[in-house]
mmCIF file of all heavy atoms, coordinates in Angstrom:
data_MODEL
# 
_entry.id   MODEL 
# 
loop_
_atom_site.group_PDB 
_atom_site.id 
_atom_site.type_symbol 
_atom_site.label_atom_id 
_atom_site.label_alt_id 
_atom_site.label_comp_id 
_atom_site.label_asym_id 
_atom_site.label_entity_id 
_atom_site.label_seq_id 
_atom_site.pdbx_PDB_ins_code 
_atom_site.Cartn_x 
_atom_site.Cartn_y 
_atom_site.Cartn_z 
_atom_site.occupancy 
_atom_site.B_iso_or_equiv 
_atom_site.pdbx_formal_charge 
_atom_site.auth_seq_id 
_atom_site.auth_comp_id 
_atom_site.auth_asym_id 
_atom_site.auth_atom_id 
_atom_site.pdbx_PDB_model_num 
ATOM 1   N N   . ARG A 1 1  ? 0.794  -1.172  0.013   1.00 0.00 ? 1  ARG A N   1 
ATOM 2   C CA  . ARG A 1 1  ? 0.038  0.005   0.013   1.00 0.00 ? 1  ARG A CA  1 
ATOM 3   C C   . ARG A 1 1  ? 0.891  1.249   0.033   1.00 0.00 ? 1  ARG A C   1 
ATOM 4   O O   . ARG A 1 1  ? 0.387  2.375   -0.394  1.00 0.00 ? 1  ARG A O   1 
ATOM 5   C CB  . ARG A 1 1  ? -0.944 0.021   1.238   1.00 0.00 ? 1  ARG A CB  1 
ATOM 6   C CG  . ARG A 1 1  ? -0.328 0.136   2.532   1.00 0.00 ? 1  ARG A CG  1 
ATOM 7   C CD  . ARG A 1 1  ? -1.359 0.223   3.649   1.00 0.00 ? 1  ARG A CD  1 
ATOM 8   N NE  . ARG A 1 1  ? -2.066 1.450   3.615   1.00 0.00 ? 1  ARG A NE  1 
ATOM 9   C CZ  . ARG A 1 1  ? -3.312 1.626   3.803   1.00 0.00 ? 1  ARG A CZ  1 
ATOM 10  N NH1 . ARG A 1 1  ? -4.144 0.568   3.959   1.00 0.00 ? 1  ARG A NH1 1 
ATOM 11  N NH2 . ARG A 1 1  ? -3.948 2.767   3.753   1.00 0.00 ? 1  ARG A NH2 1 
ATOM 12  N N   . GLN A 1 2  ? 2.064  1.147   0.442   1.00 0.00 ? 2  GLN A N   1 
ATOM 13  C CA  . GLN A 1 2  ? 3.013  2.316   0.427   1.00 0.00 ? 2  GLN A CA  1 
ATOM 14  C C   . GLN A 1 2  ? 3.724  2.548   -0.875  1.00 0.00 ? 2  GLN A C   1 
ATOM 15  O O   . GLN A 1 2  ? 4.299  3.559   -1.084  1.00 0.00 ? 2  GLN A O   1 
ATOM 16  C CB  . GLN A 1 2  ? 4.043  2.070   1.471   1.00 0.00 ? 2  GLN A CB  1 
ATOM 17  C CG  . GLN A 1 2  ? 3.482  1.896   2.965   1.00 0.00 ? 2  GLN A CG  1 
ATOM 18  C CD  . GLN A 1 2  ? 2.693  2.997   3.464   1.00 0.00 ? 2  GLN A CD  1 
ATOM 19  O OE1 . GLN A 1 2  ? 2.974  4.185   3.152   1.00 0.00 ? 2  GLN A OE1 1 
ATOM 20  N NE2 . GLN A 1 2  ? 1.655  2.734   4.189   1.00 0.00 ? 2  GLN A NE2 1 
ATOM 21  N N   . VAL A 1 3  ? 3.588  1.539   -1.791  1.00 0.00 ? 3  VAL A N   1 
ATOM 22  C CA  . VAL A 1 3  ? 4.203  1.732   -3.088  1.00 0.00 ? 3  VAL A CA  1 
ATOM 23  C C   . VAL A 1 3  ? 3.436  2.753   -3.928  1.00 0.00 ? 3  VAL A C   1 
ATOM 24  O O   . VAL A 1 3  ? 2.167  2.550   -3.978  1.00 0.00 ? 3  VAL A O   1 
ATOM 25  C CB  . VAL A 1 3  ? 4.280  0.426   -3.808  1.00 0.00 ? 3  VAL A CB  1 
ATOM 26  C CG1 . VAL A 1 3  ? 4.815  0.503   -5.276  1.00 0.00 ? 3  VAL A CG1 1 
ATOM 27  C CG2 . VAL A 1 3  ? 5.202  -0.610  -3.081  1.00 0.00 ? 3  VAL A CG2 1 
ATOM 28  N N   . PRO A 1 4  ? 4.011  3.672   -4.542  1.00 0.00 ? 4  PRO A N   1 
ATOM 29  C CA  . PRO A 1 4  ? 3.256  4.715   -5.318  1.00 0.00 ? 4  PRO A CA  1 
ATOM 30  C C   . PRO A 1 4  ? 2.347  3.956   -6.350  1.00 0.00 ? 4  PRO A C   1 
ATOM 31  O O   . PRO A 1 4  ? 2.794  2.943   -7.012  1.00 0.00 ? 4  PRO A O   1 
ATOM 32  C CB  . PRO A 1 4  ? 4.299  5.553   -5.963  1.00 0.00 ? 4  PRO A CB  1 
ATOM 33  C CG  . PRO A 1 4  ? 5.445  5.459   -4.972  1.00 0.00 ? 4  PRO A CG  1 
ATOM 34  C CD  . PRO A 1 4  ? 5.439  4.040   -4.473  1.00 0.00 ? 4  PRO A CD  1 
ATOM 35  N N   . VAL A 1 5  ? 1.261  4.557   -6.684  1.00 0.00 ? 5  VAL A N   1 
ATOM 36  C CA  . VAL A 1 5  ? 0.372  3.921   -7.559  1.00 0.00 ? 5  VAL A CA  1 
ATOM 37  C C   . VAL A 1 5  ? 0.946  3.697   -8.885  1.00 0.00 ? 5  VAL A C   1 
ATOM 38  O O   . VAL A 1 5  ? 0.802  2.675   -9.580  1.00 0.00 ? 5  VAL A O   1 
ATOM 39  C CB  . VAL A 1 5  ? -0.991 4.839   -7.713  1.00 0.00 ? 5  VAL A CB  1 
ATOM 40  C CG1 . VAL A 1 5  ? -1.826 4.312   -8.900  1.00 0.00 ? 5  VAL A CG1 1 
ATOM 41  C CG2 . VAL A 1 5  ? -1.714 4.867   -6.425  1.00 0.00 ? 5  VAL A CG2 1 
ATOM 42  N N   . THR A 1 6  ? 1.726  4.730   -9.398  1.00 0.00 ? 6  THR A N   1 
ATOM 43  C CA  . THR A 1 6  ? 2.338  4.569   -10.740 1.00 0.00 ? 6  THR A CA  1 
ATOM 44  C C   . THR A 1 6  ? 3.278  3.372   -10.793 1.00 0.00 ? 6  THR A C   1 
ATOM 45  O O   . THR A 1 6  ? 3.533  2.757   -11.808 1.00 0.00 ? 6  THR A O   1 
ATOM 46  C CB  . THR A 1 6  ? 3.012  5.841   -11.101 1.00 0.00 ? 6  THR A CB  1 
ATOM 47  O OG1 . THR A 1 6  ? 3.966  6.273   -10.073 1.00 0.00 ? 6  THR A OG1 1 
ATOM 48  C CG2 . THR A 1 6  ? 2.030  6.943   -11.373 1.00 0.00 ? 6  THR A CG2 1 
ATOM 49  N N   . GLU A 1 7  ? 3.907  3.087   -9.619  1.00 0.00 ? 7  GLU A N   1 
ATOM 50  C CA  . GLU A 1 7  ? 4.905  1.924   -9.651  1.00 0.00 ? 7  GLU A CA  1 
ATOM 51  C C   . GLU A 1 7  ? 4.079  0.619   -9.515  1.00 0.00 ? 7  GLU A C   1 
ATOM 52  O O   . GLU A 1 7  ? 4.601  -0.412  -10.051 1.00 0.00 ? 7  GLU A O   1 
ATOM 53  C CB  . GLU A 1 7  ? 5.838  2.105   -8.433  1.00 0.00 ? 7  GLU A CB  1 
ATOM 54  C CG  . GLU A 1 7  ? 6.792  3.270   -8.550  1.00 0.00 ? 7  GLU A CG  1 
ATOM 55  C CD  . GLU A 1 7  ? 7.751  3.356   -7.362  1.00 0.00 ? 7  GLU A CD  1 
ATOM 56  O OE1 . GLU A 1 7  ? 8.068  2.284   -6.743  1.00 0.00 ? 7  GLU A OE1 1 
ATOM 57  O OE2 . GLU A 1 7  ? 8.210  4.511   -7.104  1.00 0.00 ? 7  GLU A OE2 1 
ATOM 58  N N   . ARG A 1 8  ? 2.964  0.628   -8.870  1.00 0.00 ? 8  ARG A N   1 
ATOM 59  C CA  . ARG A 1 8  ? 2.151  -0.585  -8.852  1.00 0.00 ? 8  ARG A CA  1 
ATOM 60  C C   . ARG A 1 8  ? 1.738  -1.032  -10.220 1.00 0.00 ? 8  ARG A C   1 
ATOM 61  O O   . ARG A 1 8  ? 1.581  -2.254  -10.441 1.00 0.00 ? 8  ARG A O   1 
ATOM 62  C CB  . ARG A 1 8  ? 0.916  -0.414  -8.041  1.00 0.00 ? 8  ARG A CB  1 
ATOM 63  C CG  . ARG A 1 8  ? 1.091  -0.175  -6.553  1.00 0.00 ? 8  ARG A CG  1 
ATOM 64  C CD  . ARG A 1 8  ? -0.247 -0.090  -5.873  1.00 0.00 ? 8  ARG A CD  1 
ATOM 65  N NE  . ARG A 1 8  ? -0.165 0.781   -4.678  1.00 0.00 ? 8  ARG A NE  1 
ATOM 66  C CZ  . ARG A 1 8  ? -1.094 1.644   -4.244  1.00 0.00 ? 8  ARG A CZ  1 
ATOM 67  N NH1 . ARG A 1 8  ? -2.184 1.743   -4.890  1.00 0.00 ? 8  ARG A NH1 1 
ATOM 68  N NH2 . ARG A 1 8  ? -0.952 2.288   -3.128  1.00 0.00 ? 8  ARG A NH2 1 
ATOM 69  N N   . MET A 1 9  ? 1.595  -0.130  -11.150 1.00 0.00 ? 9  MET A N   1 
ATOM 70  C CA  . MET A 1 9  ? 1.182  -0.456  -12.486 1.00 0.00 ? 9  MET A CA  1 
ATOM 71  C C   . MET A 1 9  ? 2.132  -1.306  -13.238 1.00 0.00 ? 9  MET A C   1 
ATOM 72  O O   . MET A 1 9  ? 1.768  -2.038  -14.226 1.00 0.00 ? 9  MET A O   1 
ATOM 73  C CB  . MET A 1 9  ? 0.893  0.883   -13.321 1.00 0.00 ? 9  MET A CB  1 
ATOM 74  C CG  . MET A 1 9  ? -0.128 1.792   -12.675 1.00 0.00 ? 9  MET A CG  1 
ATOM 75  S SD  . MET A 1 9  ? -1.684 0.922   -12.323 1.00 0.00 ? 9  MET A SD  1 
ATOM 76  C CE  . MET A 1 9  ? -1.548 0.779   -10.494 1.00 0.00 ? 9  MET A CE  1 
ATOM 77  N N   . THR A 1 10 ? 3.377  -1.254  -12.811 1.00 0.00 ? 10 THR A N   1 
ATOM 78  C CA  . THR A 1 10 ? 4.388  -2.163  -13.576 1.00 0.00 ? 10 THR A CA  1 
ATOM 79  C C   . THR A 1 10 ? 4.054  -3.670  -13.282 1.00 0.00 ? 10 THR A C   1 
ATOM 80  O O   . THR A 1 10 ? 4.346  -4.502  -14.128 1.00 0.00 ? 10 THR A O   1 
ATOM 81  C CB  . THR A 1 10 ? 5.765  -1.837  -13.105 1.00 0.00 ? 10 THR A CB  1 
ATOM 82  O OG1 . THR A 1 10 ? 5.927  -2.034  -11.704 1.00 0.00 ? 10 THR A OG1 1 
ATOM 83  C CG2 . THR A 1 10 ? 6.173  -0.357  -13.447 1.00 0.00 ? 10 THR A CG2 1 
ATOM 84  N N   . LEU A 1 11 ? 3.492  -3.845  -12.077 1.00 0.00 ? 11 LEU A N   1 
ATOM 85  C CA  . LEU A 1 11 ? 3.102  -5.338  -11.811 1.00 0.00 ? 11 LEU A CA  1 
ATOM 86  C C   . LEU A 1 11 ? 2.014  -5.707  -12.777 1.00 0.00 ? 11 LEU A C   1 
ATOM 87  O O   . LEU A 1 11 ? 2.003  -6.833  -13.309 1.00 0.00 ? 11 LEU A O   1 
ATOM 88  C CB  . LEU A 1 11 ? 2.613  -5.412  -10.354 1.00 0.00 ? 11 LEU A CB  1 
ATOM 89  C CG  . LEU A 1 11 ? 2.012  -6.785  -9.955  1.00 0.00 ? 11 LEU A CG  1 
ATOM 90  C CD1 . LEU A 1 11 ? 2.979  -7.893  -10.261 1.00 0.00 ? 11 LEU A CD1 1 
ATOM 91  C CD2 . LEU A 1 11 ? 1.487  -6.778  -8.554  1.00 0.00 ? 11 LEU A CD2 1 
ATOM 92  N N   . LEU A 1 12 ? 0.997  -4.847  -12.990 1.00 0.00 ? 12 LEU A N   1 
ATOM 93  C CA  . LEU A 1 12 ? -0.132 -5.243  -13.891 1.00 0.00 ? 12 LEU A CA  1 
ATOM 94  C C   . LEU A 1 12 ? 0.447  -5.467  -15.309 1.00 0.00 ? 12 LEU A C   1 
ATOM 95  O O   . LEU A 1 12 ? -0.011 -6.345  -15.973 1.00 0.00 ? 12 LEU A O   1 
ATOM 96  C CB  . LEU A 1 12 ? -1.147 -4.142  -13.889 1.00 0.00 ? 12 LEU A CB  1 
ATOM 97  C CG  . LEU A 1 12 ? -2.199 -4.256  -12.833 1.00 0.00 ? 12 LEU A CG  1 
ATOM 98  C CD1 . LEU A 1 12 ? -1.668 -4.090  -11.395 1.00 0.00 ? 12 LEU A CD1 1 
ATOM 99  C CD2 . LEU A 1 12 ? -3.364 -3.195  -13.032 1.00 0.00 ? 12 LEU A CD2 1 
ATOM 100 N N   . THR A 1 13 ? 1.403  -4.608  -15.711 1.00 0.00 ? 13 THR A N   1 
ATOM 101 C CA  . THR A 1 13 ? 1.893  -4.844  -17.069 1.00 0.00 ? 13 THR A CA  1 
ATOM 102 C C   . THR A 1 13 ? 2.604  -6.231  -17.120 1.00 0.00 ? 13 THR A C   1 
ATOM 103 O O   . THR A 1 13 ? 2.496  -6.904  -18.123 1.00 0.00 ? 13 THR A O   1 
ATOM 104 C CB  . THR A 1 13 ? 2.901  -3.676  -17.428 1.00 0.00 ? 13 THR A CB  1 
ATOM 105 O OG1 . THR A 1 13 ? 2.203  -2.483  -17.327 1.00 0.00 ? 13 THR A OG1 1 
ATOM 106 C CG2 . THR A 1 13 ? 3.468  -3.883  -18.834 1.00 0.00 ? 13 THR A CG2 1 
ATOM 107 N N   . ARG A 1 14 ? 3.327  -6.560  -16.096 1.00 0.00 ? 14 ARG A N   1 
ATOM 108 C CA  . ARG A 1 14 ? 4.048  -7.799  -16.106 1.00 0.00 ? 14 ARG A CA  1 
ATOM 109 C C   . ARG A 1 14 ? 3.015  -9.000  -16.003 1.00 0.00 ? 14 ARG A C   1 
ATOM 110 O O   . ARG A 1 14 ? 3.235  -10.147 -16.610 1.00 0.00 ? 14 ARG A O   1 
ATOM 111 C CB  . ARG A 1 14 ? 5.056  -7.937  -14.959 1.00 0.00 ? 14 ARG A CB  1 
ATOM 112 C CG  . ARG A 1 14 ? 6.228  -6.944  -15.081 1.00 0.00 ? 14 ARG A CG  1 
ATOM 113 C CD  . ARG A 1 14 ? 7.369  -7.321  -14.181 1.00 0.00 ? 14 ARG A CD  1 
ATOM 114 N NE  . ARG A 1 14 ? 6.920  -7.370  -12.771 1.00 0.00 ? 14 ARG A NE  1 
ATOM 115 C CZ  . ARG A 1 14 ? 7.050  -6.377  -11.873 1.00 0.00 ? 14 ARG A CZ  1 
ATOM 116 N NH1 . ARG A 1 14 ? 7.523  -5.178  -12.353 1.00 0.00 ? 14 ARG A NH1 1 
ATOM 117 N NH2 . ARG A 1 14 ? 6.663  -6.487  -10.605 1.00 0.00 ? 14 ARG A NH2 1 
ATOM 118 N N   . MET A 1 15 ? 1.902  -8.776  -15.326 1.00 0.00 ? 15 MET A N   1 
ATOM 119 C CA  . MET A 1 15 ? 0.879  -9.773  -15.272 1.00 0.00 ? 15 MET A CA  1 
ATOM 120 C C   . MET A 1 15 ? 0.304  -10.054 -16.690 1.00 0.00 ? 15 MET A C   1 
ATOM 121 O O   . MET A 1 15 ? 0.027  -11.237 -17.063 1.00 0.00 ? 15 MET A O   1 
ATOM 122 C CB  . MET A 1 15 ? -0.266 -9.339  -14.358 1.00 0.00 ? 15 MET A CB  1 
ATOM 123 C CG  . MET A 1 15 ? 0.027  -9.379  -12.898 1.00 0.00 ? 15 MET A CG  1 
ATOM 124 S SD  . MET A 1 15 ? -0.988 -8.335  -11.767 1.00 0.00 ? 15 MET A SD  1 
ATOM 125 C CE  . MET A 1 15 ? -2.648 -8.987  -12.162 1.00 0.00 ? 15 MET A CE  1 
ATOM 126 N N   . ALA A 1 16 ? 0.081  -8.960  -17.428 1.00 0.00 ? 16 ALA A N   1 
ATOM 127 C CA  . ALA A 1 16 ? -0.449 -9.175  -18.783 1.00 0.00 ? 16 ALA A CA  1 
ATOM 128 C C   . ALA A 1 16 ? 0.550  -9.959  -19.667 1.00 0.00 ? 16 ALA A C   1 
ATOM 129 O O   . ALA A 1 16 ? 0.144  -10.832 -20.362 1.00 0.00 ? 16 ALA A O   1 
ATOM 130 C CB  . ALA A 1 16 ? -0.690 -7.756  -19.410 1.00 0.00 ? 16 ALA A CB  1 
ATOM 131 N N   . SER A 1 17 ? 1.803  -9.607  -19.466 1.00 0.00 ? 17 SER A N   1 
ATOM 132 C CA  . SER A 1 17 ? 2.855  -10.318 -20.281 1.00 0.00 ? 17 SER A CA  1 
ATOM 133 C C   . SER A 1 17 ? 2.933  -11.770 -19.874 1.00 0.00 ? 17 SER A C   1 
ATOM 134 O O   . SER A 1 17 ? 3.056  -12.669 -20.744 1.00 0.00 ? 17 SER A O   1 
ATOM 135 C CB  . SER A 1 17 ? 4.217  -9.595  -20.012 1.00 0.00 ? 17 SER A CB  1 
ATOM 136 O OG  . SER A 1 17 ? 5.314  -10.308 -20.724 1.00 0.00 ? 17 SER A OG  1 
ATOM 137 N N   . ALA A 1 18 ? 2.839  -12.117 -18.552 1.00 0.00 ? 18 ALA A N   1 
ATOM 138 C CA  . ALA A 1 18 ? 2.868  -13.551 -18.149 1.00 0.00 ? 18 ALA A CA  1 
ATOM 139 C C   . ALA A 1 18 ? 1.755  -14.238 -18.673 1.00 0.00 ? 18 ALA A C   1 
ATOM 140 O O   . ALA A 1 18 ? 1.801  -15.466 -19.037 1.00 0.00 ? 18 ALA A O   1 
ATOM 141 C CB  . ALA A 1 18 ? 2.917  -13.600 -16.591 1.00 0.00 ? 18 ALA A CB  1 
ATOM 142 N N   . LEU A 1 19 ? 0.536  -13.719 -18.722 1.00 0.00 ? 19 LEU A N   1 
ATOM 143 C CA  . LEU A 1 19 ? -0.640 -14.332 -19.203 1.00 0.00 ? 19 LEU A CA  1 
ATOM 144 C C   . LEU A 1 19 ? -0.537 -14.526 -20.708 1.00 0.00 ? 19 LEU A C   1 
ATOM 145 O O   . LEU A 1 19 ? -0.766 -15.775 -21.153 1.00 0.00 ? 19 LEU A O   1 
ATOM 146 C CB  . LEU A 1 19 ? -1.912 -13.462 -19.010 1.00 0.00 ? 19 LEU A CB  1 
ATOM 147 C CG  . LEU A 1 19 ? -2.523 -13.443 -17.581 1.00 0.00 ? 19 LEU A CG  1 
ATOM 148 C CD1 . LEU A 1 19 ? -3.310 -12.191 -17.318 1.00 0.00 ? 19 LEU A CD1 1 
ATOM 149 C CD2 . LEU A 1 19 ? -3.194 -14.769 -17.278 1.00 0.00 ? 19 LEU A CD2 1 
ATOM 150 N N   . ARG A 1 20 ? -0.011 -13.686 -21.443 1.00 0.00 ? 20 ARG A N   1 
ATOM 151 C CA  . ARG A 1 20 ? 0.059  -13.880 -22.898 1.00 0.00 ? 20 ARG A CA  1 
ATOM 152 C C   . ARG A 1 20 ? 1.214  -14.903 -23.230 1.00 0.00 ? 20 ARG A C   1 
ATOM 153 O O   . ARG A 1 20 ? 0.993  -15.686 -24.114 1.00 0.00 ? 20 ARG A O   1 
ATOM 154 C CB  . ARG A 1 20 ? 0.314  -12.531 -23.562 1.00 0.00 ? 20 ARG A CB  1 
ATOM 155 C CG  . ARG A 1 20 ? -0.800 -11.562 -23.615 1.00 0.00 ? 20 ARG A CG  1 
ATOM 156 C CD  . ARG A 1 20 ? -0.587 -10.324 -24.515 1.00 0.00 ? 20 ARG A CD  1 
ATOM 157 N NE  . ARG A 1 20 ? -1.789 -9.587  -24.534 1.00 0.00 ? 20 ARG A NE  1 
ATOM 158 C CZ  . ARG A 1 20 ? -1.925 -8.432  -23.905 1.00 0.00 ? 20 ARG A CZ  1 
ATOM 159 N NH1 . ARG A 1 20 ? -0.966 -7.910  -23.155 1.00 0.00 ? 20 ARG A NH1 1 
ATOM 160 N NH2 . ARG A 1 20 ? -3.103 -7.718  -24.008 1.00 0.00 ? 20 ARG A NH2 1 
ATOM 161 N N   . SER A 1 21 ? 2.257  -14.922 -22.444 1.00 0.00 ? 21 SER A N   1 
ATOM 162 C CA  . SER A 1 21 ? 3.343  -15.871 -22.732 1.00 0.00 ? 21 SER A CA  1 
ATOM 163 C C   . SER A 1 21 ? 2.937  -17.241 -22.424 1.00 0.00 ? 21 SER A C   1 
ATOM 164 O O   . SER A 1 21 ? 3.387  -18.232 -23.059 1.00 0.00 ? 21 SER A O   1 
ATOM 165 C CB  . SER A 1 21 ? 4.651  -15.463 -21.982 1.00 0.00 ? 21 SER A CB  1 
ATOM 166 O OG  . SER A 1 21 ? 4.451  -15.541 -20.635 1.00 0.00 ? 21 SER A OG  1 
ATOM 167 N N   . GLY A 1 22 ? 1.990  -17.419 -21.472 1.00 0.00 ? 22 GLY A N   1 
ATOM 168 C CA  . GLY A 1 22 ? 1.547  -18.748 -21.167 1.00 0.00 ? 22 GLY A CA  1 
ATOM 169 C C   . GLY A 1 22 ? 0.169  -19.103 -21.720 1.00 0.00 ? 22 GLY A C   1 
ATOM 170 O O   . GLY A 1 22 ? -0.463 -20.104 -21.295 1.00 0.00 ? 22 GLY A O   1 
ATOM 171 N N   . LYS A 1 23 ? -0.274 -18.238 -22.639 1.00 0.00 ? 23 LYS A N   1 
ATOM 172 C CA  . LYS A 1 23 ? -1.764 -18.467 -23.143 1.00 0.00 ? 23 LYS A CA  1 
ATOM 173 C C   . LYS A 1 23 ? -2.034 -19.822 -23.610 1.00 0.00 ? 23 LYS A C   1 
ATOM 174 O O   . LYS A 1 23 ? -3.069 -20.359 -23.278 1.00 0.00 ? 23 LYS A O   1 
ATOM 175 C CB  . LYS A 1 23 ? -1.946 -17.428 -24.225 1.00 0.00 ? 23 LYS A CB  1 
ATOM 176 C CG  . LYS A 1 23 ? -3.426 -17.529 -24.738 1.00 0.00 ? 23 LYS A CG  1 
ATOM 177 C CD  . LYS A 1 23 ? -3.848 -16.278 -25.571 1.00 0.00 ? 23 LYS A CD  1 
ATOM 178 C CE  . LYS A 1 23 ? -3.205 -16.237 -26.866 1.00 0.00 ? 23 LYS A CE  1 
ATOM 179 N NZ  . LYS A 1 23 ? -3.730 -15.138 -27.747 1.00 0.00 ? 23 LYS A NZ  1 
ATOM 180 N N   . ALA A 1 24 ? -1.219 -20.352 -24.464 1.00 0.00 ? 24 ALA A N   1 
ATOM 181 C CA  . ALA A 1 24 ? -1.523 -21.722 -25.059 1.00 0.00 ? 24 ALA A CA  1 
ATOM 182 C C   . ALA A 1 24 ? -1.663 -22.767 -23.877 1.00 0.00 ? 24 ALA A C   1 
ATOM 183 O O   . ALA A 1 24 ? -2.652 -23.523 -23.846 1.00 0.00 ? 24 ALA A O   1 
ATOM 184 C CB  . ALA A 1 24 ? -0.397 -22.170 -26.034 1.00 0.00 ? 24 ALA A CB  1 
# 
């Protein structure tokens, strides 16, 4: 919760990448 919101967004971007790389 102490991490700035803009920095939290990098996790979401990596989540999207992990989902796409494992999609099949």
